[in-house]
Amino acid sequence: MKIWSTVSGHLAESSGARFPEEVSRLAVVSLSDCVRALLRDETPGFCFNQGLFGVFQNMLCSDSCGAETQEHIVTILCSFIQERPNQIGSGWKMLFGSIKAIRIGNIKGILR
């Protein structure tokens, strides 16, 4: 967990709009793969999974995340909910915070 803040920070920065879409997509997929590998059942009172999902909330709360990257993150979060709902544990707080941080304005622009 000590290295997670460094790795996740680097990948979150790489998912920003200033990088090409392919790099952003690869960064988000890499984050998803890391979270999937590290996600475990938690002992009550621990918040390891909260730290894992916090990076997605930070990415969606920042304005550097493009519309396609945002959509990709939401798809990944939905897959976690469908595939591993019993393992998310303390990560639910960050997961719902991520959903709350979705910018609807970008979605309206895509629909037009």
PDB file of N, CA and C in Angstrom:
ATOM      1  N   MET A   1       0.829  -1.201   0.000  1.00  0.00           N
ATOM      2  CA  MET A   1       0.000   0.000   0.000  1.00  0.00           C
ATOM      3  C   MET A   1       0.868   1.258   0.000  1.00  0.00           C
ATOM      4  N   LYS A   2       2.108   1.135   0.435  1.00  0.00           N
ATOM      5  CA  LYS A   2       2.982   2.310   0.486  1.00  0.00           C
ATOM      6  C   LYS A   2       3.254   2.873  -0.906  1.00  0.00           C
ATOM      7  N   ILE A   3       3.375   2.005  -1.874  1.00  0.00           N
ATOM      8  CA  ILE A   3       3.693   2.464  -3.227  1.00  0.00           C
ATOM      9  C   ILE A   3       2.439   2.889  -4.000  1.00  0.00           C
ATOM     10  N   TRP A   4       1.260   2.530  -3.491  1.00  0.00           N
ATOM     11  CA  TRP A   4       0.016   2.809  -4.207  1.00  0.00           C
ATOM     12  C   TRP A   4      -0.164   4.293  -4.467  1.00  0.00           C
ATOM     13  N   SER A   5       0.145   5.148  -3.513  1.00  0.00           N
ATOM     14  CA  SER A   5      -0.064   6.591  -3.719  1.00  0.00           C
ATOM     15  C   SER A   5       0.815   7.116  -4.849  1.00  0.00           C
ATOM     16  N   THR A   6       2.019   6.602  -4.970  1.00  0.00           N
ATOM     17  CA  THR A   6       2.912   7.039  -6.052  1.00  0.00           C
ATOM     18  C   THR A   6       2.427   6.526  -7.400  1.00  0.00           C
ATOM     19  N   VAL A   7       2.120   5.241  -7.460  1.00  0.00           N
ATOM     20  CA  VAL A   7       1.682   4.634  -8.723  1.00  0.00           C
ATOM     21  C   VAL A   7       0.354   5.229  -9.172  1.00  0.00           C
ATOM     22  N   SER A   8      -0.605   5.307  -8.253  1.00  0.00           N
ATOM     23  CA  SER A   8      -1.921   5.817  -8.628  1.00  0.00           C
ATOM     24  C   SER A   8      -1.865   7.293  -9.015  1.00  0.00           C
ATOM     25  N   GLY A   9      -1.026   8.064  -8.331  1.00  0.00           N
ATOM     26  CA  GLY A   9      -0.876   9.472  -8.686  1.00  0.00           C
ATOM     27  C   GLY A   9      -0.307   9.652 -10.086  1.00  0.00           C
ATOM     28  N   HIS A  10       0.676   8.856 -10.416  1.00  0.00           N
ATOM     29  CA  HIS A  10       1.277   8.927 -11.746  1.00  0.00           C
ATOM     30  C   HIS A  10       0.273   8.523 -12.829  1.00  0.00           C
ATOM     31  N   LEU A  11      -0.450   7.434 -12.603  1.00  0.00           N
ATOM     32  CA  LEU A  11      -1.419   6.985 -13.596  1.00  0.00           C
ATOM     33  C   LEU A  11      -2.607   7.943 -13.703  1.00  0.00           C
ATOM     34  N   ALA A  12      -3.018   8.515 -12.573  1.00  0.00           N
ATOM     35  CA  ALA A  12      -4.110   9.492 -12.610  1.00  0.00           C
ATOM     36  C   ALA A  12      -3.701  10.729 -13.387  1.00  0.00           C
ATOM     37  N   GLU A  13      -2.467  11.156 -13.210  1.00  0.00           N
ATOM     38  CA  GLU A  13      -1.969  12.310 -13.964  1.00  0.00           C
ATOM     39  C   GLU A  13      -1.911  11.989 -15.457  1.00  0.00           C
ATOM     40  N   SER A  14      -1.536  10.766 -15.778  1.00  0.00           N
ATOM     41  CA  SER A  14      -1.440  10.347 -17.178  1.00  0.00           C
ATOM     42  C   SER A  14      -2.808  10.226 -17.843  1.00  0.00           C
ATOM     43  N   SER A  15      -3.862  10.157 -17.049  1.00  0.00           N
ATOM     44  CA  SER A  15      -5.197  10.044 -17.628  1.00  0.00           C
ATOM     45  C   SER A  15      -5.808  11.406 -17.940  1.00  0.00           C
ATOM     46  N   GLY A  16      -5.083  12.468 -17.697  1.00  0.00           N
ATOM     47  CA  GLY A  16      -5.600  13.817 -17.920  1.00  0.00           C
ATOM     48  C   GLY A  16      -5.770  14.161 -19.381  1.00  0.00           C
ATOM     49  N   ALA A  17      -6.462  15.253 -19.625  1.00  0.00           N
ATOM     50  CA  ALA A  17      -6.786  15.680 -20.988  1.00  0.00           C
ATOM     51  C   ALA A  17      -5.562  16.170 -21.761  1.00  0.00           C
ATOM     52  N   ARG A  18      -4.493  16.505 -21.069  1.00  0.00           N
ATOM     53  CA  ARG A  18      -3.313  17.011 -21.790  1.00  0.00           C
ATOM     54  C   ARG A  18      -2.531  15.904 -22.488  1.00  0.00           C
ATOM     55  N   PHE A  19      -2.870  14.648 -22.184  1.00  0.00           N
ATOM     56  CA  PHE A  19      -2.236  13.516 -22.842  1.00  0.00           C
ATOM     57  C   PHE A  19      -3.156  12.997 -23.945  1.00  0.00           C
ATOM     58  N   PRO A  20      -2.591  12.322 -24.952  1.00  0.00           N
ATOM     59  CA  PRO A  20      -3.435  11.746 -26.004  1.00  0.00           C
ATOM     60  C   PRO A  20      -4.442  10.755 -25.411  1.00  0.00           C
ATOM     61  N   GLU A  21      -5.554  10.595 -26.081  1.00  0.00           N
ATOM     62  CA  GLU A  21      -6.639   9.735 -25.586  1.00  0.00           C
ATOM     63  C   GLU A  21      -6.166   8.301 -25.365  1.00  0.00           C
ATOM     64  N   GLU A  22      -5.280   7.819 -26.223  1.00  0.00           N
ATOM     65  CA  GLU A  22      -4.770   6.455 -26.073  1.00  0.00           C
ATOM     66  C   GLU A  22      -3.988   6.290 -24.768  1.00  0.00           C
ATOM     67  N   VAL A  23      -3.194   7.298 -24.406  1.00  0.00           N
ATOM     68  CA  VAL A  23      -2.428   7.258 -23.155  1.00  0.00           C
ATOM     69  C   VAL A  23      -3.380   7.320 -21.962  1.00  0.00           C
ATOM     70  N   SER A  24      -4.389   8.182 -22.045  1.00  0.00           N
ATOM     71  CA  SER A  24      -5.373   8.295 -20.972  1.00  0.00           C
ATOM     72  C   SER A  24      -6.107   6.980 -20.763  1.00  0.00           C
ATOM     73  N   ARG A  25      -6.488   6.353 -21.846  1.00  0.00           N
ATOM     74  CA  ARG A  25      -7.227   5.088 -21.774  1.00  0.00           C
ATOM     75  C   ARG A  25      -6.348   4.002 -21.157  1.00  0.00           C
ATOM     76  N   LEU A  26      -5.091   3.950 -21.567  1.00  0.00           N
ATOM     77  CA  LEU A  26      -4.165   2.958 -21.028  1.00  0.00           C
ATOM     78  C   LEU A  26      -3.922   3.188 -19.531  1.00  0.00           C
ATOM     79  N   ALA A  27      -3.841   4.442 -19.114  1.00  0.00           N
ATOM     80  CA  ALA A  27      -3.643   4.758 -17.700  1.00  0.00           C
ATOM     81  C   ALA A  27      -4.838   4.307 -16.862  1.00  0.00           C
ATOM     82  N   VAL A  28      -6.053   4.546 -17.357  1.00  0.00           N
ATOM     83  CA  VAL A  28      -7.260   4.143 -16.632  1.00  0.00           C
ATOM     84  C   VAL A  28      -7.367   2.624 -16.574  1.00  0.00           C
ATOM     85  N   VAL A  29      -7.041   1.950 -17.659  1.00  0.00           N
ATOM     86  CA  VAL A  29      -7.070   0.483 -17.671  1.00  0.00           C
ATOM     87  C   VAL A  29      -6.027  -0.064 -16.696  1.00  0.00           C
ATOM     88  N   SER A  30      -4.863   0.551 -16.649  1.00  0.00           N
ATOM     89  CA  SER A  30      -3.824   0.109 -15.723  1.00  0.00           C
ATOM     90  C   SER A  30      -4.261   0.283 -14.278  1.00  0.00           C
ATOM     91  N   LEU A  31      -4.901   1.410 -13.983  1.00  0.00           N
ATOM     92  CA  LEU A  31      -5.434   1.624 -12.636  1.00  0.00           C
ATOM     93  C   LEU A  31      -6.473   0.570 -12.294  1.00  0.00           C
ATOM     94  N   SER A  32      -7.340   0.294 -13.228  1.00  0.00           N
ATOM     95  CA  SER A  32      -8.380  -0.715 -13.017  1.00  0.00           C
ATOM     96  C   SER A  32      -7.756  -2.078 -12.748  1.00  0.00           C
ATOM     97  N   ASP A  33      -6.750  -2.440 -13.516  1.00  0.00           N
ATOM     98  CA  ASP A  33      -6.078  -3.729 -13.325  1.00  0.00           C
ATOM     99  C   ASP A  33      -5.402  -3.815 -11.965  1.00  0.00           C
ATOM    100  N   CYS A  34      -4.784  -2.720 -11.542  1.00  0.00           N
ATOM    101  CA  CYS A  34      -4.137  -2.684 -10.219  1.00  0.00           C
ATOM    102  C   CYS A  34      -5.168  -2.847  -9.107  1.00  0.00           C
ATOM    103  N   VAL A  35      -6.266  -2.122  -9.206  1.00  0.00           N
ATOM    104  CA  VAL A  35      -7.314  -2.218  -8.184  1.00  0.00           C
ATOM    105  C   VAL A  35      -7.888  -3.624  -8.167  1.00  0.00           C
ATOM    106  N   ARG A  36      -8.114  -4.185  -9.335  1.00  0.00           N
ATOM    107  CA  ARG A  36      -8.665  -5.545  -9.435  1.00  0.00           C
ATOM    108  C   ARG A  36      -7.720  -6.561  -8.768  1.00  0.00           C
ATOM    109  N   ALA A  37      -6.417  -6.368  -8.941  1.00  0.00           N
ATOM    110  CA  ALA A  37      -5.441  -7.290  -8.359  1.00  0.00           C
ATOM    111  C   ALA A  37      -5.313  -7.109  -6.844  1.00  0.00           C
ATOM    112  N   LEU A  38      -5.472  -5.884  -6.361  1.00  0.00           N
ATOM    113  CA  LEU A  38      -5.290  -5.600  -4.941  1.00  0.00           C
ATOM    114  C   LEU A  38      -6.566  -5.713  -4.113  1.00  0.00           C
ATOM    115  N   LEU A  39      -7.712  -5.757  -4.758  1.00  0.00           N
ATOM    116  CA  LEU A  39      -8.993  -5.783  -4.049  1.00  0.00           C
ATOM    117  C   LEU A  39      -9.160  -7.098  -3.296  1.00  0.00           C
ATOM    118  N   ARG A  40      -9.337  -6.987  -2.005  1.00  0.00           N
ATOM    119  CA  ARG A  40      -9.491  -8.160  -1.140  1.00  0.00           C
ATOM    120  C   ARG A  40     -10.641  -7.941  -0.169  1.00  0.00           C
ATOM    121  N   ASP A  41     -11.111  -9.022   0.430  1.00  0.00           N
ATOM    122  CA  ASP A  41     -12.088  -8.905   1.508  1.00  0.00           C
ATOM    123  C   ASP A  41     -11.411  -8.211   2.681  1.00  0.00           C
ATOM    124  N   GLU A  42     -12.108  -7.236   3.247  1.00  0.00           N
ATOM    125  CA  GLU A  42     -11.533  -6.459   4.338  1.00  0.00           C
ATOM    126  C   GLU A  42     -12.013  -6.975   5.690  1.00  0.00           C
ATOM    127  N   THR A  43     -11.151  -6.828   6.665  1.00  0.00           N
ATOM    128  CA  THR A  43     -11.541  -7.064   8.042  1.00  0.00           C
ATOM    129  C   THR A  43     -12.332  -5.839   8.486  1.00  0.00           C
ATOM    130  N   PRO A  44     -13.416  -6.008   9.237  1.00  0.00           N
ATOM    131  CA  PRO A  44     -14.190  -4.845   9.682  1.00  0.00           C
ATOM    132  C   PRO A  44     -13.313  -3.816  10.400  1.00  0.00           C
ATOM    133  N   GLY A  45     -13.525  -2.569  10.059  1.00  0.00           N
ATOM    134  CA  GLY A  45     -12.758  -1.484  10.663  1.00  0.00           C
ATOM    135  C   GLY A  45     -11.573  -1.026   9.838  1.00  0.00           C
ATOM    136  N   PHE A  46     -11.192  -1.767   8.816  1.00  0.00           N
ATOM    137  CA  PHE A  46     -10.080  -1.377   7.966  1.00  0.00           C
ATOM    138  C   PHE A  46     -10.605  -0.638   6.737  1.00  0.00           C
ATOM    139  N   CYS A  47      -9.766   0.169   6.135  1.00  0.00           N
ATOM    140  CA  CYS A  47     -10.214   0.965   4.987  1.00  0.00           C
ATOM    141  C   CYS A  47      -9.230   0.891   3.812  1.00  0.00           C
ATOM    142  N   PHE A  48      -8.677  -0.283   3.589  1.00  0.00           N
ATOM    143  CA  PHE A  48      -7.732  -0.489   2.498  1.00  0.00           C
ATOM    144  C   PHE A  48      -8.385  -0.232   1.144  1.00  0.00           C
ATOM    145  N   ASN A  49      -9.570  -0.775   0.945  1.00  0.00           N
ATOM    146  CA  ASN A  49     -10.254  -0.636  -0.342  1.00  0.00           C
ATOM    147  C   ASN A  49     -10.684   0.799  -0.608  1.00  0.00           C
ATOM    148  N   GLN A  50     -10.901   1.560   0.444  1.00  0.00           N
ATOM    149  CA  GLN A  50     -11.236   2.977   0.281  1.00  0.00           C
ATOM    150  C   GLN A  50     -10.077   3.706  -0.394  1.00  0.00           C
ATOM    151  N   GLY A  51      -8.866   3.370  -0.023  1.00  0.00           N
ATOM    152  CA  GLY A  51      -7.694   3.961  -0.657  1.00  0.00           C
ATOM    153  C   GLY A  51      -7.546   3.561  -2.113  1.00  0.00           C
ATOM    154  N   LEU A  52      -7.970   2.348  -2.432  1.00  0.00           N
ATOM    155  CA  LEU A  52      -7.876   1.893  -3.816  1.00  0.00           C
ATOM    156  C   LEU A  52      -8.832   2.656  -4.727  1.00  0.00           C
ATOM    157  N   PHE A  53     -10.062   2.842  -4.278  1.00  0.00           N
ATOM    158  CA  PHE A  53     -11.069   3.502  -5.115  1.00  0.00           C
ATOM    159  C   PHE A  53     -10.981   5.019  -5.072  1.00  0.00           C
ATOM    160  N   GLY A  54     -10.225   5.566  -4.134  1.00  0.00           N
ATOM    161  CA  GLY A  54     -10.106   7.018  -4.019  1.00  0.00           C
ATOM    162  C   GLY A  54      -9.518   7.675  -5.252  1.00  0.00           C
ATOM    163  N   VAL A  55      -8.666   6.973  -5.953  1.00  0.00           N
ATOM    164  CA  VAL A  55      -8.034   7.550  -7.141  1.00  0.00           C
ATOM    165  C   VAL A  55      -9.066   7.839  -8.234  1.00  0.00           C
ATOM    166  N   PHE A  56     -10.079   6.992  -8.352  1.00  0.00           N
ATOM    167  CA  PHE A  56     -11.113   7.233  -9.358  1.00  0.00           C
ATOM    168  C   PHE A  56     -11.926   8.478  -9.014  1.00  0.00           C
ATOM    169  N   GLN A  57     -12.219   8.655  -7.737  1.00  0.00           N
ATOM    170  CA  GLN A  57     -12.939   9.846  -7.312  1.00  0.00           C
ATOM    171  C   GLN A  57     -12.095  11.096  -7.573  1.00  0.00           C
ATOM    172  N   ASN A  58     -10.814  11.037  -7.262  1.00  0.00           N
ATOM    173  CA  ASN A  58      -9.942  12.186  -7.504  1.00  0.00           C
ATOM    174  C   ASN A  58      -9.865  12.536  -8.984  1.00  0.00           C
ATOM    175  N   MET A  59      -9.826  11.523  -9.823  1.00  0.00           N
ATOM    176  CA  MET A  59      -9.757  11.770 -11.262  1.00  0.00           C
ATOM    177  C   MET A  59     -11.042  12.429 -11.762  1.00  0.00           C
ATOM    178  N   LEU A  60     -12.181  11.960 -11.295  1.00  0.00           N
ATOM    179  CA  LEU A  60     -13.447  12.526 -11.753  1.00  0.00           C
ATOM    180  C   LEU A  60     -13.709  13.912 -11.167  1.00  0.00           C
ATOM    181  N   CYS A  61     -13.175  14.177  -9.980  1.00  0.00           N
ATOM    182  CA  CYS A  61     -13.359  15.498  -9.367  1.00  0.00           C
ATOM    183  C   CYS A  61     -12.479  16.557 -10.017  1.00  0.00           C
ATOM    184  N   SER A  62     -11.348  16.148 -10.561  1.00  0.00           N
ATOM    185  CA  SER A  62     -10.468  17.121 -11.217  1.00  0.00           C
ATOM    186  C   SER A  62     -11.032  17.461 -12.598  1.00  0.00           C
ATOM    187  N   ASP A  63     -10.713  18.634 -13.073  1.00  0.00           N
ATOM    188  CA  ASP A  63     -11.206  19.063 -14.384  1.00  0.00           C
ATOM    189  C   ASP A  63     -10.330  18.578 -15.531  1.00  0.00           C
ATOM    190  N   SER A  64      -9.305  17.804 -15.213  1.00  0.00           N
ATOM    191  CA  SER A  64      -8.386  17.355 -16.255  1.00  0.00           C
ATOM    192  C   SER A  64      -8.874  16.101 -16.978  1.00  0.00           C
ATOM    193  N   CYS A  65      -9.956  15.544 -16.526  1.00  0.00           N
ATOM    194  CA  CYS A  65     -10.473  14.300 -17.082  1.00  0.00           C
ATOM    195  C   CYS A  65     -11.401  14.602 -18.255  1.00  0.00           C
ATOM    196  N   GLY A  66     -11.090  14.072 -19.437  1.00  0.00           N
ATOM    197  CA  GLY A  66     -11.927  14.284 -20.615  1.00  0.00           C
ATOM    198  C   GLY A  66     -13.207  13.472 -20.562  1.00  0.00           C
ATOM    199  N   ALA A  67     -14.124  13.769 -21.459  1.00  0.00           N
ATOM    200  CA  ALA A  67     -15.432  13.107 -21.471  1.00  0.00           C
ATOM    201  C   ALA A  67     -15.307  11.611 -21.735  1.00  0.00           C
ATOM    202  N   GLU A  68     -14.451  11.219 -22.670  1.00  0.00           N
ATOM    203  CA  GLU A  68     -14.300   9.797 -22.972  1.00  0.00           C
ATOM    204  C   GLU A  68     -13.639   9.060 -21.818  1.00  0.00           C
ATOM    205  N   THR A  69     -12.660   9.703 -21.191  1.00  0.00           N
ATOM    206  CA  THR A  69     -12.001   9.099 -20.032  1.00  0.00           C
ATOM    207  C   THR A  69     -12.990   8.951 -18.890  1.00  0.00           C
ATOM    208  N   GLN A  70     -13.813   9.964 -18.687  1.00  0.00           N
ATOM    209  CA  GLN A  70     -14.835   9.917 -17.642  1.00  0.00           C
ATOM    210  C   GLN A  70     -15.794   8.754 -17.892  1.00  0.00           C
ATOM    211  N   GLU A  71     -16.219   8.595 -19.119  1.00  0.00           N
ATOM    212  CA  GLU A  71     -17.123   7.501 -19.467  1.00  0.00           C
ATOM    213  C   GLU A  71     -16.463   6.145 -19.227  1.00  0.00           C
ATOM    214  N   HIS A  72     -15.188   6.062 -19.550  1.00  0.00           N
ATOM    215  CA  HIS A  72     -14.448   4.816 -19.342  1.00  0.00           C
ATOM    216  C   HIS A  72     -14.338   4.489 -17.854  1.00  0.00           C
ATOM    217  N   ILE A  73     -14.105   5.486 -17.024  1.00  0.00           N
ATOM    218  CA  ILE A  73     -14.021   5.283 -15.572  1.00  0.00           C
ATOM    219  C   ILE A  73     -15.359   4.793 -15.034  1.00  0.00           C
ATOM    220  N   VAL A  74     -16.442   5.385 -15.489  1.00  0.00           N
ATOM    221  CA  VAL A  74     -17.774   4.969 -15.034  1.00  0.00           C
ATOM    222  C   VAL A  74     -18.038   3.518 -15.429  1.00  0.00           C
ATOM    223  N   THR A  75     -17.640   3.132 -16.614  1.00  0.00           N
ATOM    224  CA  THR A  75     -17.803   1.751 -17.061  1.00  0.00           C
ATOM    225  C   THR A  75     -17.009   0.794 -16.174  1.00  0.00           C
ATOM    226  N   ILE A  76     -15.807   1.191 -15.821  1.00  0.00           N
ATOM    227  CA  ILE A  76     -14.974   0.366 -14.948  1.00  0.00           C
ATOM    228  C   ILE A  76     -15.603   0.235 -13.567  1.00  0.00           C
ATOM    229  N   LEU A  77     -16.108   1.333 -13.029  1.00  0.00           N
ATOM    230  CA  LEU A  77     -16.749   1.286 -11.714  1.00  0.00           C
ATOM    231  C   LEU A  77     -17.986   0.387 -11.744  1.00  0.00           C
ATOM    232  N   CYS A  78     -18.743   0.453 -12.830  1.00  0.00           N
ATOM    233  CA  CYS A  78     -19.912  -0.426 -12.977  1.00  0.00           C
ATOM    234  C   CYS A  78     -19.493  -1.891 -13.008  1.00  0.00           C
ATOM    235  N   SER A  79     -18.374  -2.176 -13.653  1.00  0.00           N
ATOM    236  CA  SER A  79     -17.912  -3.570 -13.704  1.00  0.00           C
ATOM    237  C   SER A  79     -17.502  -4.058 -12.321  1.00  0.00           C
ATOM    238  N   PHE A  80     -16.907  -3.181 -11.507  1.00  0.00           N
ATOM    239  CA  PHE A  80     -16.574  -3.574 -10.135  1.00  0.00           C
ATOM    240  C   PHE A  80     -17.841  -3.875  -9.339  1.00  0.00           C
ATOM    241  N   ILE A  81     -18.861  -3.052  -9.526  1.00  0.00           N
ATOM    242  CA  ILE A  81     -20.121  -3.249  -8.805  1.00  0.00           C
ATOM    243  C   ILE A  81     -20.769  -4.573  -9.216  1.00  0.00           C
ATOM    244  N   GLN A  82     -20.722  -4.899 -10.499  1.00  0.00           N
ATOM    245  CA  GLN A  82     -21.342  -6.126 -10.981  1.00  0.00           C
ATOM    246  C   GLN A  82     -20.542  -7.371 -10.610  1.00  0.00           C
ATOM    247  N   GLU A  83     -19.222  -7.281 -10.668  1.00  0.00           N
ATOM    248  CA  GLU A  83     -18.389  -8.468 -10.500  1.00  0.00           C
ATOM    249  C   GLU A  83     -17.967  -8.733  -9.056  1.00  0.00           C
ATOM    250  N   ARG A  84     -17.761  -7.690  -8.269  1.00  0.00           N
ATOM    251  CA  ARG A  84     -17.207  -7.878  -6.924  1.00  0.00           C
ATOM    252  C   ARG A  84     -17.893  -7.028  -5.857  1.00  0.00           C
ATOM    253  N   PRO A  85     -19.200  -7.052  -5.781  1.00  0.00           N
ATOM    254  CA  PRO A  85     -19.866  -6.182  -4.798  1.00  0.00           C
ATOM    255  C   PRO A  85     -19.537  -6.536  -3.350  1.00  0.00           C
ATOM    256  N   ASN A  86     -19.261  -7.806  -3.075  1.00  0.00           N
ATOM    257  CA  ASN A  86     -18.972  -8.217  -1.704  1.00  0.00           C
ATOM    258  C   ASN A  86     -17.554  -7.879  -1.269  1.00  0.00           C
ATOM    259  N   GLN A  87     -16.674  -7.585  -2.205  1.00  0.00           N
ATOM    260  CA  GLN A  87     -15.295  -7.268  -1.860  1.00  0.00           C
ATOM    261  C   GLN A  87     -15.027  -5.771  -1.769  1.00  0.00           C
ATOM    262  N   ILE A  88     -15.924  -4.944  -2.204  1.00  0.00           N
ATOM    263  CA  ILE A  88     -15.674  -3.500  -2.239  1.00  0.00           C
ATOM    264  C   ILE A  88     -15.515  -2.929  -0.837  1.00  0.00           C
ATOM    265  N   GLY A  89     -16.307  -3.362   0.111  1.00  0.00           N
ATOM    266  CA  GLY A  89     -16.157  -2.962   1.507  1.00  0.00           C
ATOM    267  C   GLY A  89     -16.134  -1.456   1.709  1.00  0.00           C
ATOM    268  N   SER A  90     -15.043  -0.939   2.257  1.00  0.00           N
ATOM    269  CA  SER A  90     -14.929   0.490   2.537  1.00  0.00           C
ATOM    270  C   SER A  90     -14.825   1.324   1.264  1.00  0.00           C
ATOM    271  N   GLY A  91     -14.619   0.675   0.134  1.00  0.00           N
ATOM    272  CA  GLY A  91     -14.517   1.386  -1.137  1.00  0.00           C
ATOM    273  C   GLY A  91     -15.832   1.946  -1.634  1.00  0.00           C
ATOM    274  N   TRP A  92     -16.956   1.514  -1.036  1.00  0.00           N
ATOM    275  CA  TRP A  92     -18.259   2.012  -1.470  1.00  0.00           C
ATOM    276  C   TRP A  92     -18.345   3.523  -1.323  1.00  0.00           C
ATOM    277  N   LYS A  93     -17.778   4.059  -0.267  1.00  0.00           N
ATOM    278  CA  LYS A  93     -17.837   5.507  -0.042  1.00  0.00           C
ATOM    279  C   LYS A  93     -17.181   6.252  -1.205  1.00  0.00           C
ATOM    280  N   MET A  94     -16.004   5.828  -1.595  1.00  0.00           N
ATOM    281  CA  MET A  94     -15.296   6.464  -2.708  1.00  0.00           C
ATOM    282  C   MET A  94     -15.989   6.192  -4.035  1.00  0.00           C
ATOM    283  N   LEU A  95     -16.556   5.013  -4.168  1.00  0.00           N
ATOM    284  CA  LEU A  95     -17.242   4.668  -5.399  1.00  0.00           C
ATOM    285  C   LEU A  95     -18.459   5.560  -5.612  1.00  0.00           C
ATOM    286  N   PHE A  96     -19.257   5.769  -4.560  1.00  0.00           N
ATOM    287  CA  PHE A  96     -20.408   6.658  -4.680  1.00  0.00           C
ATOM    288  C   PHE A  96     -19.961   8.109  -4.835  1.00  0.00           C
ATOM    289  N   GLY A  97     -18.848   8.476  -4.209  1.00  0.00           N
ATOM    290  CA  GLY A  97     -18.296   9.818  -4.402  1.00  0.00           C
ATOM    291  C   GLY A  97     -17.868  10.033  -5.844  1.00  0.00           C
ATOM    292  N   SER A  98     -17.351   8.989  -6.461  1.00  0.00           N
ATOM    293  CA  SER A  98     -16.958   9.070  -7.871  1.00  0.00           C
ATOM    294  C   SER A  98     -18.172   9.288  -8.756  1.00  0.00           C
ATOM    295  N   ILE A  99     -19.225   8.551  -8.479  1.00  0.00           N
ATOM    296  CA  ILE A  99     -20.446   8.698  -9.273  1.00  0.00           C
ATOM    297  C   ILE A  99     -21.036  10.093  -9.098  1.00  0.00           C
ATOM    298  N   LYS A 100     -20.951  10.594  -7.881  1.00  0.00           N
ATOM    299  CA  LYS A 100     -21.458  11.935  -7.600  1.00  0.00           C
ATOM    300  C   LYS A 100     -20.651  13.012  -8.333  1.00  0.00           C
ATOM    301  N   ALA A 101     -19.379  12.743  -8.595  1.00  0.00           N
ATOM    302  CA  ALA A 101     -18.496  13.726  -9.219  1.00  0.00           C
ATOM    303  C   ALA A 101     -18.610  13.773 -10.741  1.00  0.00           C
ATOM    304  N   ILE A 102     -19.430  12.931 -11.339  1.00  0.00           N
ATOM    305  CA  ILE A 102     -19.568  12.910 -12.795  1.00  0.00           C
ATOM    306  C   ILE A 102     -20.137  14.241 -13.256  1.00  0.00           C
ATOM    307  N   ARG A 103     -19.488  14.812 -14.256  1.00  0.00           N
ATOM    308  CA  ARG A 103     -19.925  16.093 -14.806  1.00  0.00           C
ATOM    309  C   ARG A 103     -20.929  15.839 -15.921  1.00  0.00           C
ATOM    310  N   ILE A 104     -22.160  16.164 -15.675  1.00  0.00           N
ATOM    311  CA  ILE A 104     -23.238  15.919 -16.634  1.00  0.00           C
ATOM    312  C   ILE A 104     -23.099  16.820 -17.852  1.00  0.00           C
ATOM    313  N   GLY A 105     -22.507  17.974 -17.702  1.00  0.00           N
ATOM    314  CA  GLY A 105     -22.342  18.909 -18.817  1.00  0.00           C
ATOM    315  C   GLY A 105     -21.618  18.282 -19.988  1.00  0.00           C
ATOM    316  N   ASN A 106     -20.609  17.458 -19.710  1.00  0.00           N
ATOM    317  CA  ASN A 106     -19.890  16.786 -20.783  1.00  0.00           C
ATOM    318  C   ASN A 106     -20.771  15.784 -21.501  1.00  0.00           C
ATOM    319  N   ILE A 107     -21.624  15.112 -20.773  1.00  0.00           N
ATOM    320  CA  ILE A 107     -22.500  14.115 -21.376  1.00  0.00           C
ATOM    321  C   ILE A 107     -23.531  14.787 -22.277  1.00  0.00           C
ATOM    322  N   LYS A 108     -24.046  15.943 -21.881  1.00  0.00           N
ATOM    323  CA  LYS A 108     -25.011  16.651 -22.723  1.00  0.00           C
ATOM    324  C   LYS A 108     -24.377  17.048 -24.048  1.00  0.00           C
ATOM    325  N   GLY A 109     -23.090  17.420 -24.009  1.00  0.00           N
ATOM    326  CA  GLY A 109     -22.392  17.794 -25.235  1.00  0.00           C
ATOM    327  C   GLY A 109     -22.229  16.607 -26.169  1.00  0.00           C
ATOM    328  N   ILE A 110     -22.060  15.431 -25.625  1.00  0.00           N
ATOM    329  CA  ILE A 110     -21.908  14.223 -26.449  1.00  0.00           C
ATOM    330  C   ILE A 110     -23.243  13.862 -27.105  1.00  0.00           C
ATOM    331  N   LEU A 111     -24.334  14.062 -26.381  1.00  0.00           N
ATOM    332  CA  LEU A 111     -25.655  13.680 -26.910  1.00  0.00           C
ATOM    333  C   LEU A 111     -26.111  14.574 -28.040  1.00  0.00           C
ATOM    334  N   ARG A 112     -25.620  15.793 -28.112  1.00  0.00           N
ATOM    335  CA  ARG A 112     -26.084  16.720 -29.151  1.00  0.00           C
ATOM    336  C   ARG A 112     -25.486  16.436 -30.456  1.00  0.00           C
TER     337      ARG A 112
END
